[in-house]
Amino acid sequence: MSDIDKLYYEEMFKDYKDVVKPVELKEMLGFGTNKTYKLLKNQEIYNKRIGNNYIIPKISVIEYLIKN
């Protein structure tokens, strides 16, 4: 992971909490609902599921963007 890329995305997402929900992930990536949940279900973006809720670390979103 490039430090410059990481700093760029950290600045871009500074207004988001360290842990986001799917609706925030959708907003961050600009994807539709189906694509967002597909990424989560396939663990393309690291997350934990607790009951019906997904917990997504913001750093996982940044790592996904840097890799892709």
PDB file of N, CA and C in Angstrom:
ATOM      1  N   MET A   1       0.845  -1.170   0.000  1.00  0.00           N
ATOM      2  CA  MET A   1       0.000   0.000   0.000  1.00  0.00           C
ATOM      3  C   MET A   1       0.892   1.234   0.000  1.00  0.00           C
ATOM      4  N   SER A   2       0.678   2.079  -0.949  1.00  0.00           N
ATOM      5  CA  SER A   2       1.442   3.308  -1.044  1.00  0.00           C
ATOM      6  C   SER A   2       1.021   4.267   0.073  1.00  0.00           C
ATOM      7  N   ASP A   3       2.001   4.850   0.728  1.00  0.00           N
ATOM      8  CA  ASP A   3       1.700   5.799   1.799  1.00  0.00           C
ATOM      9  C   ASP A   3       0.968   7.023   1.275  1.00  0.00           C
ATOM     10  N   ILE A   4       1.314   7.448   0.068  1.00  0.00           N
ATOM     11  CA  ILE A   4       0.658   8.609  -0.531  1.00  0.00           C
ATOM     12  C   ILE A   4      -0.803   8.301  -0.810  1.00  0.00           C
ATOM     13  N   ASP A   5      -1.066   7.121  -1.392  1.00  0.00           N
ATOM     14  CA  ASP A   5      -2.452   6.714  -1.650  1.00  0.00           C
ATOM     15  C   ASP A   5      -3.245   6.627  -0.351  1.00  0.00           C
ATOM     16  N   LYS A   6      -2.634   6.025   0.657  1.00  0.00           N
ATOM     17  CA  LYS A   6      -3.315   5.863   1.937  1.00  0.00           C
ATOM     18  C   LYS A   6      -3.657   7.225   2.531  1.00  0.00           C
ATOM     19  N   LEU A   7      -2.714   8.144   2.506  1.00  0.00           N
ATOM     20  CA  LEU A   7      -2.967   9.481   3.044  1.00  0.00           C
ATOM     21  C   LEU A   7      -4.059  10.205   2.261  1.00  0.00           C
ATOM     22  N   TYR A   8      -4.058  10.020   0.946  1.00  0.00           N
ATOM     23  CA  TYR A   8      -5.077  10.634   0.093  1.00  0.00           C
ATOM     24  C   TYR A   8      -6.470  10.152   0.483  1.00  0.00           C
ATOM     25  N   TYR A   9      -6.633   8.831   0.606  1.00  0.00           N
ATOM     26  CA  TYR A   9      -7.947   8.281   0.944  1.00  0.00           C
ATOM     27  C   TYR A   9      -8.340   8.591   2.390  1.00  0.00           C
ATOM     28  N   GLU A  10      -7.370   8.614   3.290  1.00  0.00           N
ATOM     29  CA  GLU A  10      -7.684   8.980   4.671  1.00  0.00           C
ATOM     30  C   GLU A  10      -8.222  10.406   4.722  1.00  0.00           C
ATOM     31  N   GLU A  11      -7.628  11.289   3.956  1.00  0.00           N
ATOM     32  CA  GLU A  11      -8.104  12.669   3.903  1.00  0.00           C
ATOM     33  C   GLU A  11      -9.493  12.734   3.257  1.00  0.00           C
ATOM     34  N   MET A  12      -9.676  11.975   2.188  1.00  0.00           N
ATOM     35  CA  MET A  12     -10.947  11.961   1.469  1.00  0.00           C
ATOM     36  C   MET A  12     -12.098  11.496   2.370  1.00  0.00           C
ATOM     37  N   PHE A  13     -11.813  10.520   3.232  1.00  0.00           N
ATOM     38  CA  PHE A  13     -12.849   9.919   4.072  1.00  0.00           C
ATOM     39  C   PHE A  13     -12.765  10.364   5.531  1.00  0.00           C
ATOM     40  N   LYS A  14     -12.131  11.495   5.785  1.00  0.00           N
ATOM     41  CA  LYS A  14     -11.915  11.934   7.171  1.00  0.00           C
ATOM     42  C   LYS A  14     -13.215  12.183   7.942  1.00  0.00           C
ATOM     43  N   ASP A  15     -14.291  12.492   7.232  1.00  0.00           N
ATOM     44  CA  ASP A  15     -15.558  12.775   7.914  1.00  0.00           C
ATOM     45  C   ASP A  15     -16.336  11.514   8.299  1.00  0.00           C
ATOM     46  N   TYR A  16     -15.852  10.357   7.872  1.00  0.00           N
ATOM     47  CA  TYR A  16     -16.498   9.089   8.213  1.00  0.00           C
ATOM     48  C   TYR A  16     -15.883   8.535   9.494  1.00  0.00           C
ATOM     49  N   LYS A  17     -16.685   7.826  10.259  1.00  0.00           N
ATOM     50  CA  LYS A  17     -16.188   7.165  11.469  1.00  0.00           C
ATOM     51  C   LYS A  17     -15.228   6.049  11.074  1.00  0.00           C
ATOM     52  N   ASP A  18     -14.495   5.513  12.038  1.00  0.00           N
ATOM     53  CA  ASP A  18     -13.531   4.444  11.774  1.00  0.00           C
ATOM     54  C   ASP A  18     -14.207   3.147  11.341  1.00  0.00           C
ATOM     55  N   VAL A  19     -15.462   2.983  11.713  1.00  0.00           N
ATOM     56  CA  VAL A  19     -16.252   1.816  11.325  1.00  0.00           C
ATOM     57  C   VAL A  19     -17.512   2.333  10.640  1.00  0.00           C
ATOM     58  N   VAL A  20     -17.766   1.835   9.426  1.00  0.00           N
ATOM     59  CA  VAL A  20     -18.916   2.322   8.660  1.00  0.00           C
ATOM     60  C   VAL A  20     -19.934   1.213   8.440  1.00  0.00           C
ATOM     61  N   LYS A  21     -21.120   1.613   8.040  1.00  0.00           N
ATOM     62  CA  LYS A  21     -22.206   0.700   7.728  1.00  0.00           C
ATOM     63  C   LYS A  21     -22.333   0.606   6.205  1.00  0.00           C
ATOM     64  N   PRO A  22     -23.067  -0.380   5.703  1.00  0.00           N
ATOM     65  CA  PRO A  22     -23.212  -0.528   4.253  1.00  0.00           C
ATOM     66  C   PRO A  22     -23.706   0.725   3.531  1.00  0.00           C
ATOM     67  N   VAL A  23     -24.613   1.469   4.138  1.00  0.00           N
ATOM     68  CA  VAL A  23     -25.126   2.676   3.483  1.00  0.00           C
ATOM     69  C   VAL A  23     -24.001   3.704   3.304  1.00  0.00           C
ATOM     70  N   GLU A  24     -23.103   3.780   4.272  1.00  0.00           N
ATOM     71  CA  GLU A  24     -21.959   4.686   4.164  1.00  0.00           C
ATOM     72  C   GLU A  24     -20.943   4.158   3.167  1.00  0.00           C
ATOM     73  N   LEU A  25     -20.750   2.856   3.149  1.00  0.00           N
ATOM     74  CA  LEU A  25     -19.848   2.248   2.173  1.00  0.00           C
ATOM     75  C   LEU A  25     -20.329   2.532   0.762  1.00  0.00           C
ATOM     76  N   LYS A  26     -21.614   2.388   0.555  1.00  0.00           N
ATOM     77  CA  LYS A  26     -22.226   2.670  -0.746  1.00  0.00           C
ATOM     78  C   LYS A  26     -21.936   4.118  -1.157  1.00  0.00           C
ATOM     79  N   GLU A  27     -22.065   5.020  -0.225  1.00  0.00           N
ATOM     80  CA  GLU A  27     -21.797   6.442  -0.473  1.00  0.00           C
ATOM     81  C   GLU A  27     -20.317   6.688  -0.777  1.00  0.00           C
ATOM     82  N   MET A  28     -19.439   6.033  -0.019  1.00  0.00           N
ATOM     83  CA  MET A  28     -18.004   6.210  -0.191  1.00  0.00           C
ATOM     84  C   MET A  28     -17.536   5.745  -1.567  1.00  0.00           C
ATOM     85  N   LEU A  29     -18.078   4.615  -2.019  1.00  0.00           N
ATOM     86  CA  LEU A  29     -17.619   4.022  -3.276  1.00  0.00           C
ATOM     87  C   LEU A  29     -18.436   4.471  -4.479  1.00  0.00           C
ATOM     88  N   GLY A  30     -19.631   4.974  -4.240  1.00  0.00           N
ATOM     89  CA  GLY A  30     -20.484   5.385  -5.347  1.00  0.00           C
ATOM     90  C   GLY A  30     -21.104   4.216  -6.085  1.00  0.00           C
ATOM     91  N   PHE A  31     -21.203   3.071  -5.415  1.00  0.00           N
ATOM     92  CA  PHE A  31     -21.799   1.877  -6.012  1.00  0.00           C
ATOM     93  C   PHE A  31     -23.274   1.791  -5.643  1.00  0.00           C
ATOM     94  N   GLY A  32     -23.997   0.948  -6.359  1.00  0.00           N
ATOM     95  CA  GLY A  32     -25.385   0.670  -6.028  1.00  0.00           C
ATOM     96  C   GLY A  32     -25.463  -0.306  -4.870  1.00  0.00           C
ATOM     97  N   THR A  33     -26.668  -0.515  -4.399  1.00  0.00           N
ATOM     98  CA  THR A  33     -26.900  -1.398  -3.258  1.00  0.00           C
ATOM     99  C   THR A  33     -26.461  -2.827  -3.550  1.00  0.00           C
ATOM    100  N   ASN A  34     -26.821  -3.357  -4.709  1.00  0.00           N
ATOM    101  CA  ASN A  34     -26.463  -4.746  -5.033  1.00  0.00           C
ATOM    102  C   ASN A  34     -24.958  -4.946  -5.069  1.00  0.00           C
ATOM    103  N   LYS A  35     -24.228  -4.054  -5.719  1.00  0.00           N
ATOM    104  CA  LYS A  35     -22.762  -4.160  -5.806  1.00  0.00           C
ATOM    105  C   LYS A  35     -22.146  -4.043  -4.420  1.00  0.00           C
ATOM    106  N   THR A  36     -22.656  -3.144  -3.602  1.00  0.00           N
ATOM    107  CA  THR A  36     -22.127  -2.954  -2.252  1.00  0.00           C
ATOM    108  C   THR A  36     -22.255  -4.238  -1.431  1.00  0.00           C
ATOM    109  N   TYR A  37     -23.441  -4.843  -1.443  1.00  0.00           N
ATOM    110  CA  TYR A  37     -23.635  -6.068  -0.659  1.00  0.00           C
ATOM    111  C   TYR A  37     -22.883  -7.253  -1.251  1.00  0.00           C
ATOM    112  N   LYS A  38     -22.697  -7.272  -2.551  1.00  0.00           N
ATOM    113  CA  LYS A  38     -21.908  -8.329  -3.187  1.00  0.00           C
ATOM    114  C   LYS A  38     -20.457  -8.266  -2.705  1.00  0.00           C
ATOM    115  N   LEU A  39     -19.898  -7.061  -2.635  1.00  0.00           N
ATOM    116  CA  LEU A  39     -18.532  -6.888  -2.120  1.00  0.00           C
ATOM    117  C   LEU A  39     -18.416  -7.383  -0.685  1.00  0.00           C
ATOM    118  N   LEU A  40     -19.436  -7.108   0.110  1.00  0.00           N
ATOM    119  CA  LEU A  40     -19.412  -7.533   1.505  1.00  0.00           C
ATOM    120  C   LEU A  40     -19.573  -9.048   1.634  1.00  0.00           C
ATOM    121  N   LYS A  41     -20.529  -9.609   0.919  1.00  0.00           N
ATOM    122  CA  LYS A  41     -20.777 -11.047   1.008  1.00  0.00           C
ATOM    123  C   LYS A  41     -19.589 -11.864   0.520  1.00  0.00           C
ATOM    124  N   ASN A  42     -18.890 -11.354  -0.496  1.00  0.00           N
ATOM    125  CA  ASN A  42     -17.722 -12.054  -1.049  1.00  0.00           C
ATOM    126  C   ASN A  42     -16.431 -11.719  -0.308  1.00  0.00           C
ATOM    127  N   GLN A  43     -16.523 -10.923   0.749  1.00  0.00           N
ATOM    128  CA  GLN A  43     -15.373 -10.506   1.546  1.00  0.00           C
ATOM    129  C   GLN A  43     -14.318  -9.789   0.699  1.00  0.00           C
ATOM    130  N   GLU A  44     -14.740  -9.129  -0.375  1.00  0.00           N
ATOM    131  CA  GLU A  44     -13.806  -8.326  -1.170  1.00  0.00           C
ATOM    132  C   GLU A  44     -13.376  -7.098  -0.377  1.00  0.00           C
ATOM    133  N   ILE A  45     -14.243  -6.662   0.510  1.00  0.00           N
ATOM    134  CA  ILE A  45     -13.915  -5.642   1.501  1.00  0.00           C
ATOM    135  C   ILE A  45     -14.115  -6.307   2.849  1.00  0.00           C
ATOM    136  N   TYR A  46     -13.046  -6.342   3.648  1.00  0.00           N
ATOM    137  CA  TYR A  46     -13.119  -7.012   4.941  1.00  0.00           C
ATOM    138  C   TYR A  46     -14.253  -6.423   5.781  1.00  0.00           C
ATOM    139  N   ASN A  47     -15.030  -7.294   6.395  1.00  0.00           N
ATOM    140  CA  ASN A  47     -16.129  -6.868   7.248  1.00  0.00           C
ATOM    141  C   ASN A  47     -16.476  -7.983   8.221  1.00  0.00           C
ATOM    142  N   LYS A  48     -17.241  -7.628   9.209  1.00  0.00           N
ATOM    143  CA  LYS A  48     -17.797  -8.596  10.158  1.00  0.00           C
ATOM    144  C   LYS A  48     -19.305  -8.445  10.120  1.00  0.00           C
ATOM    145  N   ARG A  49     -19.973  -9.557  10.179  1.00  0.00           N
ATOM    146  CA  ARG A  49     -21.429  -9.517  10.213  1.00  0.00           C
ATOM    147  C   ARG A  49     -21.892  -9.940  11.600  1.00  0.00           C
ATOM    148  N   ILE A  50     -22.701  -9.100  12.201  1.00  0.00           N
ATOM    149  CA  ILE A  50     -23.265  -9.378  13.511  1.00  0.00           C
ATOM    150  C   ILE A  50     -24.773  -9.304  13.345  1.00  0.00           C
ATOM    151  N   GLY A  51     -25.402 -10.476  13.374  1.00  0.00           N
ATOM    152  CA  GLY A  51     -26.834 -10.541  13.101  1.00  0.00           C
ATOM    153  C   GLY A  51     -27.093 -10.113  11.672  1.00  0.00           C
ATOM    154  N   ASN A  52     -27.914  -9.116  11.493  1.00  0.00           N
ATOM    155  CA  ASN A  52     -28.212  -8.594  10.156  1.00  0.00           C
ATOM    156  C   ASN A  52     -27.358  -7.377   9.812  1.00  0.00           C
ATOM    157  N   ASN A  53     -26.426  -7.030  10.674  1.00  0.00           N
ATOM    158  CA  ASN A  53     -25.625  -5.820  10.493  1.00  0.00           C
ATOM    159  C   ASN A  53     -24.205  -6.138  10.047  1.00  0.00           C
ATOM    160  N   TYR A  54     -23.706  -5.338   9.121  1.00  0.00           N
ATOM    161  CA  TYR A  54     -22.309  -5.425   8.698  1.00  0.00           C
ATOM    162  C   TYR A  54     -21.526  -4.314   9.383  1.00  0.00           C
ATOM    163  N   ILE A  55     -20.334  -4.661   9.837  1.00  0.00           N
ATOM    164  CA  ILE A  55     -19.414  -3.701  10.425  1.00  0.00           C
ATOM    165  C   ILE A  55     -18.187  -3.678   9.528  1.00  0.00           C
ATOM    166  N   ILE A  56     -17.873  -2.504   8.976  1.00  0.00           N
ATOM    167  CA  ILE A  56     -16.812  -2.384   7.977  1.00  0.00           C
ATOM    168  C   ILE A  56     -15.775  -1.361   8.456  1.00  0.00           C
ATOM    169  N   PRO A  57     -14.555  -1.801   8.741  1.00  0.00           N
ATOM    170  CA  PRO A  57     -13.519  -0.840   9.117  1.00  0.00           C
ATOM    171  C   PRO A  57     -13.199   0.081   7.929  1.00  0.00           C
ATOM    172  N   LYS A  58     -13.094   1.367   8.199  1.00  0.00           N
ATOM    173  CA  LYS A  58     -12.795   2.332   7.145  1.00  0.00           C
ATOM    174  C   LYS A  58     -11.484   1.985   6.445  1.00  0.00           C
ATOM    175  N   ILE A  59     -10.516   1.481   7.179  1.00  0.00           N
ATOM    176  CA  ILE A  59      -9.229   1.122   6.580  1.00  0.00           C
ATOM    177  C   ILE A  59      -9.399   0.017   5.538  1.00  0.00           C
ATOM    178  N   SER A  60     -10.394  -0.853   5.712  1.00  0.00           N
ATOM    179  CA  SER A  60     -10.658  -1.905   4.726  1.00  0.00           C
ATOM    180  C   SER A  60     -11.154  -1.319   3.415  1.00  0.00           C
ATOM    181  N   VAL A  61     -11.922  -0.254   3.500  1.00  0.00           N
ATOM    182  CA  VAL A  61     -12.399   0.434   2.297  1.00  0.00           C
ATOM    183  C   VAL A  61     -11.210   1.058   1.568  1.00  0.00           C
ATOM    184  N   ILE A  62     -10.322   1.690   2.326  1.00  0.00           N
ATOM    185  CA  ILE A  62      -9.134   2.307   1.740  1.00  0.00           C
ATOM    186  C   ILE A  62      -8.246   1.253   1.086  1.00  0.00           C
ATOM    187  N   GLU A  63      -8.038   0.127   1.745  1.00  0.00           N
ATOM    188  CA  GLU A  63      -7.223  -0.950   1.178  1.00  0.00           C
ATOM    189  C   GLU A  63      -7.839  -1.480  -0.109  1.00  0.00           C
ATOM    190  N   TYR A  64      -9.162  -1.610  -0.133  1.00  0.00           N
ATOM    191  CA  TYR A  64      -9.850  -2.070  -1.339  1.00  0.00           C
ATOM    192  C   TYR A  64      -9.608  -1.099  -2.488  1.00  0.00           C
ATOM    193  N   LEU A  65      -9.717   0.175  -2.238  1.00  0.00           N
ATOM    194  CA  LEU A  65      -9.526   1.171  -3.293  1.00  0.00           C
ATOM    195  C   LEU A  65      -8.092   1.196  -3.816  1.00  0.00           C
ATOM    196  N   ILE A  66      -7.139   1.002  -2.941  1.00  0.00           N
ATOM    197  CA  ILE A  66      -5.739   1.011  -3.361  1.00  0.00           C
ATOM    198  C   ILE A  66      -5.433  -0.219  -4.214  1.00  0.00           C
ATOM    199  N   LYS A  67      -5.985  -1.370  -3.849  1.00  0.00           N
ATOM    200  CA  LYS A  67      -5.751  -2.608  -4.605  1.00  0.00           C
ATOM    201  C   LYS A  67      -6.436  -2.590  -5.968  1.00  0.00           C
ATOM    202  N   ASN A  68      -7.580  -1.951  -6.055  1.00  0.00           N
ATOM    203  CA  ASN A  68      -8.368  -1.976  -7.274  1.00  0.00           C
ATOM    204  C   ASN A  68      -8.268  -0.654  -7.931  1.00  0.00           C
TER     205      ASN A  68
END
